[in-house]
PDB file of all heavy atoms in Angstrom:
ATOM      1  N   VAL A   1      -5.579 -10.665 -18.178  1.00  0.00           N
ATOM      2  CA  VAL A   1      -4.369 -10.470 -18.964  1.00  0.00           C
ATOM      3  C   VAL A   1      -3.535 -11.780 -19.093  1.00  0.00           C
ATOM      4  O   VAL A   1      -3.630 -12.617 -18.248  1.00  0.00           O
ATOM      5  CB  VAL A   1      -3.518  -9.308 -18.358  1.00  0.00           C
ATOM      6  CG1 VAL A   1      -4.282  -7.989 -18.397  1.00  0.00           C
ATOM      7  CG2 VAL A   1      -3.052  -9.657 -16.926  1.00  0.00           C
ATOM      8  N   PRO A   2      -2.797 -11.870 -20.190  1.00  0.00           N
ATOM      9  CA  PRO A   2      -2.083 -13.121 -20.416  1.00  0.00           C
ATOM     10  C   PRO A   2      -0.797 -13.320 -19.639  1.00  0.00           C
ATOM     11  O   PRO A   2      -0.293 -12.368 -19.012  1.00  0.00           O
ATOM     12  CB  PRO A   2      -1.762 -13.055 -21.946  1.00  0.00           C
ATOM     13  CG  PRO A   2      -1.568 -11.551 -22.155  1.00  0.00           C
ATOM     14  CD  PRO A   2      -2.576 -10.887 -21.276  1.00  0.00           C
ATOM     15  N   SER A   3      -0.295 -14.508 -19.688  1.00  0.00           N
ATOM     16  CA  SER A   3       1.043 -14.792 -19.164  1.00  0.00           C
ATOM     17  C   SER A   3       2.087 -13.794 -19.774  1.00  0.00           C
ATOM     18  O   SER A   3       1.979 -13.444 -20.926  1.00  0.00           O
ATOM     19  CB  SER A   3       1.417 -16.202 -19.491  1.00  0.00           C
ATOM     20  OG  SER A   3       2.741 -16.503 -19.075  1.00  0.00           O
ATOM     21  N   GLY A   4       3.000 -13.396 -18.909  1.00  0.00           N
ATOM     22  CA  GLY A   4       3.922 -12.344 -19.354  1.00  0.00           C
ATOM     23  C   GLY A   4       3.568 -10.932 -19.026  1.00  0.00           C
ATOM     24  O   GLY A   4       4.300 -10.018 -19.252  1.00  0.00           O
ATOM     25  N   SER A   5       2.319 -10.813 -18.488  1.00  0.00           N
ATOM     26  CA  SER A   5       1.852  -9.475 -18.043  1.00  0.00           C
ATOM     27  C   SER A   5       2.411  -9.200 -16.620  1.00  0.00           C
ATOM     28  O   SER A   5       2.971 -10.055 -15.965  1.00  0.00           O
ATOM     29  CB  SER A   5       0.304  -9.483 -17.993  1.00  0.00           C
ATOM     30  OG  SER A   5      -0.240  -9.602 -19.267  1.00  0.00           O
ATOM     31  N   TYR A   6       2.244  -7.923 -16.251  1.00  0.00           N
ATOM     32  CA  TYR A   6       2.764  -7.519 -14.898  1.00  0.00           C
ATOM     33  C   TYR A   6       1.686  -6.715 -14.142  1.00  0.00           C
ATOM     34  O   TYR A   6       0.805  -6.121 -14.772  1.00  0.00           O
ATOM     35  CB  TYR A   6       3.998  -6.573 -15.138  1.00  0.00           C
ATOM     36  CG  TYR A   6       5.200  -7.334 -15.640  1.00  0.00           C
ATOM     37  CD1 TYR A   6       5.415  -7.569 -16.967  1.00  0.00           C
ATOM     38  CD2 TYR A   6       6.183  -7.723 -14.737  1.00  0.00           C
ATOM     39  CE1 TYR A   6       6.531  -8.191 -17.446  1.00  0.00           C
ATOM     40  CE2 TYR A   6       7.361  -8.364 -15.202  1.00  0.00           C
ATOM     41  CZ  TYR A   6       7.519  -8.574 -16.530  1.00  0.00           C
ATOM     42  OH  TYR A   6       8.651  -9.239 -17.015  1.00  0.00           O
ATOM     43  N   VAL A   7       1.871  -6.714 -12.847  1.00  0.00           N
ATOM     44  CA  VAL A   7       1.081  -5.832 -11.978  1.00  0.00           C
ATOM     45  C   VAL A   7       2.065  -4.982 -11.161  1.00  0.00           C
ATOM     46  O   VAL A   7       3.021  -5.560 -10.572  1.00  0.00           O
ATOM     47  CB  VAL A   7       0.177  -6.637 -11.000  1.00  0.00           C
ATOM     48  CG1 VAL A   7      -0.533  -5.667 -10.049  1.00  0.00           C
ATOM     49  CG2 VAL A   7      -0.859  -7.423 -11.790  1.00  0.00           C
ATOM     50  N   ALA A   8       1.906  -3.693 -11.184  1.00  0.00           N
ATOM     51  CA  ALA A   8       2.682  -2.776 -10.318  1.00  0.00           C
ATOM     52  C   ALA A   8       1.662  -2.226  -9.323  1.00  0.00           C
ATOM     53  O   ALA A   8       0.604  -1.716  -9.652  1.00  0.00           O
ATOM     54  CB  ALA A   8       3.267  -1.674 -11.144  1.00  0.00           C
ATOM     55  N   ILE A   9       2.041  -2.256  -8.022  1.00  0.00           N
ATOM     56  CA  ILE A   9       1.160  -1.805  -7.002  1.00  0.00           C
ATOM     57  C   ILE A   9       1.937  -0.958  -5.986  1.00  0.00           C
ATOM     58  O   ILE A   9       3.121  -1.166  -5.720  1.00  0.00           O
ATOM     59  CB  ILE A   9       0.497  -3.005  -6.268  1.00  0.00           C
ATOM     60  CG1 ILE A   9      -0.696  -2.528  -5.383  1.00  0.00           C
ATOM     61  CG2 ILE A   9       1.507  -3.796  -5.478  1.00  0.00           C
ATOM     62  CD1 ILE A   9      -1.547  -3.666  -4.910  1.00  0.00           C
ATOM     63  N   SER A  10       1.223   0.037  -5.461  1.00  0.00           N
ATOM     64  CA  SER A  10       1.757   0.853  -4.378  1.00  0.00           C
ATOM     65  C   SER A  10       0.529   1.152  -3.429  1.00  0.00           C
ATOM     66  O   SER A  10      -0.545   1.482  -3.907  1.00  0.00           O
ATOM     67  CB  SER A  10       2.358   2.141  -4.905  1.00  0.00           C
ATOM     68  OG  SER A  10       3.102   2.790  -3.864  1.00  0.00           O
ATOM     69  N   HIS A  11       0.739   0.932  -2.107  1.00  0.00           N
ATOM     70  CA  HIS A  11      -0.373   0.949  -1.165  1.00  0.00           C
ATOM     71  C   HIS A  11       0.099   1.454   0.189  1.00  0.00           C
ATOM     72  O   HIS A  11       1.126   1.014   0.647  1.00  0.00           O
ATOM     73  CB  HIS A  11      -0.948  -0.484  -1.068  1.00  0.00           C
ATOM     74  CG  HIS A  11      -2.308  -0.547  -0.403  1.00  0.00           C
ATOM     75  ND1 HIS A  11      -2.497  -0.188   0.904  1.00  0.00           N
ATOM     76  CD2 HIS A  11      -3.499  -0.988  -0.878  1.00  0.00           C
ATOM     77  CE1 HIS A  11      -3.777  -0.394   1.176  1.00  0.00           C
ATOM     78  NE2 HIS A  11      -4.400  -0.801   0.125  1.00  0.00           N
ATOM     79  N   PRO A  12      -0.658   2.337   0.820  1.00  0.00           N
ATOM     80  CA  PRO A  12      -0.247   2.833   2.116  1.00  0.00           C
ATOM     81  C   PRO A  12      -0.302   1.764   3.200  1.00  0.00           C
ATOM     82  O   PRO A  12      -1.210   0.939   3.226  1.00  0.00           O
ATOM     83  CB  PRO A  12      -1.238   3.996   2.384  1.00  0.00           C
ATOM     84  CG  PRO A  12      -2.423   3.669   1.577  1.00  0.00           C
ATOM     85  CD  PRO A  12      -1.916   2.985   0.346  1.00  0.00           C
ATOM     86  N   ALA A  13       0.621   1.881   4.142  1.00  0.00           N
ATOM     87  CA  ALA A  13       0.922   0.833   5.108  1.00  0.00           C
ATOM     88  C   ALA A  13       0.248   1.080   6.458  1.00  0.00           C
ATOM     89  O   ALA A  13       0.197   2.249   6.895  1.00  0.00           O
ATOM     90  CB  ALA A  13       2.401   0.669   5.219  1.00  0.00           C
ATOM     91  N   THR A  14      -0.084   0.009   7.120  1.00  0.00           N
ATOM     92  CA  THR A  14      -0.390   0.064   8.554  1.00  0.00           C
ATOM     93  C   THR A  14       0.840  -0.135   9.402  1.00  0.00           C
ATOM     94  O   THR A  14       0.816   0.203  10.613  1.00  0.00           O
ATOM     95  CB  THR A  14      -1.434  -0.969   8.945  1.00  0.00           C
ATOM     96  OG1 THR A  14      -0.894  -2.302   8.642  1.00  0.00           O
ATOM     97  CG2 THR A  14      -2.753  -0.790   8.211  1.00  0.00           C
ATOM     98  N   ASP A  15       1.850  -0.710   8.833  1.00  0.00           N
ATOM     99  CA  ASP A  15       2.994  -1.189   9.623  1.00  0.00           C
ATOM    100  C   ASP A  15       4.288  -0.359   9.322  1.00  0.00           C
ATOM    101  O   ASP A  15       5.417  -0.860   9.525  1.00  0.00           O
ATOM    102  CB  ASP A  15       3.254  -2.639   9.455  1.00  0.00           C
ATOM    103  CG  ASP A  15       3.118  -3.127   7.959  1.00  0.00           C
ATOM    104  OD1 ASP A  15       2.859  -2.254   7.118  1.00  0.00           O
ATOM    105  OD2 ASP A  15       3.252  -4.311   7.715  1.00  0.00           O
ATOM    106  N   ILE A  16       4.095   0.843   8.817  1.00  0.00           N
ATOM    107  CA  ILE A  16       5.198   1.818   8.699  1.00  0.00           C
ATOM    108  C   ILE A  16       4.673   3.090   9.371  1.00  0.00           C
ATOM    109  O   ILE A  16       3.631   3.593   9.006  1.00  0.00           O
ATOM    110  CB  ILE A  16       5.567   2.166   7.255  1.00  0.00           C
ATOM    111  CG1 ILE A  16       5.997   0.889   6.491  1.00  0.00           C
ATOM    112  CG2 ILE A  16       6.705   3.174   7.231  1.00  0.00           C
ATOM    113  CD1 ILE A  16       6.235   1.117   4.988  1.00  0.00           C
ATOM    114  N   GLN A  17       5.396   3.550  10.382  1.00  0.00           N
ATOM    115  CA  GLN A  17       4.929   4.738  11.161  1.00  0.00           C
ATOM    116  C   GLN A  17       3.447   4.538  11.523  1.00  0.00           C
ATOM    117  O   GLN A  17       2.587   5.398  11.260  1.00  0.00           O
ATOM    118  CB  GLN A  17       5.155   6.036  10.409  1.00  0.00           C
ATOM    119  CG  GLN A  17       6.581   6.338  10.074  1.00  0.00           C
ATOM    120  CD  GLN A  17       6.778   7.765   9.625  1.00  0.00           C
ATOM    121  OE1 GLN A  17       6.242   8.736  10.156  1.00  0.00           O
ATOM    122  NE2 GLN A  17       7.587   7.926   8.567  1.00  0.00           N
ATOM    123  N   ALA A  18       3.148   3.410  12.167  1.00  0.00           N
ATOM    124  CA  ALA A  18       1.769   2.959  12.340  1.00  0.00           C
ATOM    125  C   ALA A  18       0.879   4.037  13.004  1.00  0.00           C
ATOM    126  O   ALA A  18      -0.264   4.297  12.514  1.00  0.00           O
ATOM    127  CB  ALA A  18       1.747   1.644  13.152  1.00  0.00           C
ATOM    128  N   ALA A  19       1.316   4.602  14.110  1.00  0.00           N
ATOM    129  CA  ALA A  19       0.451   5.566  14.818  1.00  0.00           C
ATOM    130  C   ALA A  19       0.185   6.769  13.999  1.00  0.00           C
ATOM    131  O   ALA A  19      -0.951   7.291  13.921  1.00  0.00           O
ATOM    132  CB  ALA A  19       1.091   5.905  16.157  1.00  0.00           C
ATOM    133  N   ARG A  20       1.240   7.329  13.346  1.00  0.00           N
ATOM    134  CA  ARG A  20       1.062   8.529  12.518  1.00  0.00           C
ATOM    135  C   ARG A  20       0.178   8.210  11.322  1.00  0.00           C
ATOM    136  O   ARG A  20      -0.672   9.046  10.910  1.00  0.00           O
ATOM    137  CB  ARG A  20       2.408   9.015  12.038  1.00  0.00           C
ATOM    138  CG  ARG A  20       3.280   9.680  13.207  1.00  0.00           C
ATOM    139  CD  ARG A  20       4.503  10.273  12.594  1.00  0.00           C
ATOM    140  NE  ARG A  20       5.339  10.895  13.594  1.00  0.00           N
ATOM    141  CZ  ARG A  20       5.173  12.181  14.013  1.00  0.00           C
ATOM    142  NH1 ARG A  20       4.191  12.913  13.477  1.00  0.00           N
ATOM    143  NH2 ARG A  20       5.922  12.683  14.992  1.00  0.00           N
ATOM    144  N   MET A  21       0.371   7.065  10.721  1.00  0.00           N
ATOM    145  CA  MET A  21      -0.478   6.696   9.551  1.00  0.00           C
ATOM    146  C   MET A  21      -1.931   6.573   9.967  1.00  0.00           C
ATOM    147  O   MET A  21      -2.828   7.013   9.191  1.00  0.00           O
ATOM    148  CB  MET A  21       0.049   5.392   8.987  1.00  0.00           C
ATOM    149  CG  MET A  21       1.295   5.525   8.121  1.00  0.00           C
ATOM    150  SD  MET A  21       1.008   6.452   6.582  1.00  0.00           S
ATOM    151  CE  MET A  21       0.199   5.226   5.612  1.00  0.00           C
ATOM    152  N   ALA A  22      -2.217   5.987  11.067  1.00  0.00           N
ATOM    153  CA  ALA A  22      -3.570   5.837  11.526  1.00  0.00           C
ATOM    154  C   ALA A  22      -4.223   7.190  11.749  1.00  0.00           C
ATOM    155  O   ALA A  22      -5.414   7.407  11.372  1.00  0.00           O
ATOM    156  CB  ALA A  22      -3.620   5.018  12.807  1.00  0.00           C
ATOM    157  N   THR A  23      -3.478   8.122  12.393  1.00  0.00           N
ATOM    158  CA  THR A  23      -4.068   9.460  12.616  1.00  0.00           C
ATOM    159  C   THR A  23      -4.272  10.177  11.321  1.00  0.00           C
ATOM    160  O   THR A  23      -5.285  10.804  11.078  1.00  0.00           O
ATOM    161  CB  THR A  23      -3.086  10.249  13.513  1.00  0.00           C
ATOM    162  OG1 THR A  23      -2.886   9.571  14.728  1.00  0.00           O
ATOM    163  CG2 THR A  23      -3.641  11.648  13.759  1.00  0.00           C
ATOM    164  N   MET A  24      -3.303  10.044  10.366  1.00  0.00           N
ATOM    165  CA  MET A  24      -3.416  10.652   9.085  1.00  0.00           C
ATOM    166  C   MET A  24      -4.681  10.160   8.356  1.00  0.00           C
ATOM    167  O   MET A  24      -5.494  10.970   7.814  1.00  0.00           O
ATOM    168  CB  MET A  24      -2.204  10.378   8.242  1.00  0.00           C
ATOM    169  CG  MET A  24      -2.244  10.904   6.815  1.00  0.00           C
ATOM    170  SD  MET A  24      -3.055   9.843   5.583  1.00  0.00           S
ATOM    171  CE  MET A  24      -2.084   8.338   5.720  1.00  0.00           C
ATOM    172  N   ALA A  25      -4.898   8.864   8.334  1.00  0.00           N
ATOM    173  CA  ALA A  25      -6.011   8.289   7.662  1.00  0.00           C
ATOM    174  C   ALA A  25      -7.319   8.721   8.303  1.00  0.00           C
ATOM    175  O   ALA A  25      -8.283   9.050   7.603  1.00  0.00           O
ATOM    176  CB  ALA A  25      -5.937   6.748   7.661  1.00  0.00           C
ATOM    177  N   ASP A  26      -7.360   8.780   9.629  1.00  0.00           N
ATOM    178  CA  ASP A  26      -8.584   9.248  10.303  1.00  0.00           C
ATOM    179  C   ASP A  26      -8.913  10.679   9.893  1.00  0.00           C
ATOM    180  O   ASP A  26     -10.111  10.989   9.658  1.00  0.00           O
ATOM    181  CB  ASP A  26      -8.386   9.179  11.823  1.00  0.00           C
ATOM    182  CG  ASP A  26      -8.416   7.729  12.361  1.00  0.00           C
ATOM    183  OD1 ASP A  26      -8.878   6.850  11.598  1.00  0.00           O
ATOM    184  OD2 ASP A  26      -8.020   7.539  13.521  1.00  0.00           O
TER     185      ASP A  26
END
């Protein structure tokens, strides 16, 4: 894509509520 384009991203974290997230993912 050309200059002036954008990327929007959203991604699950390892470093927010780490233990709960790890269990959820498992």
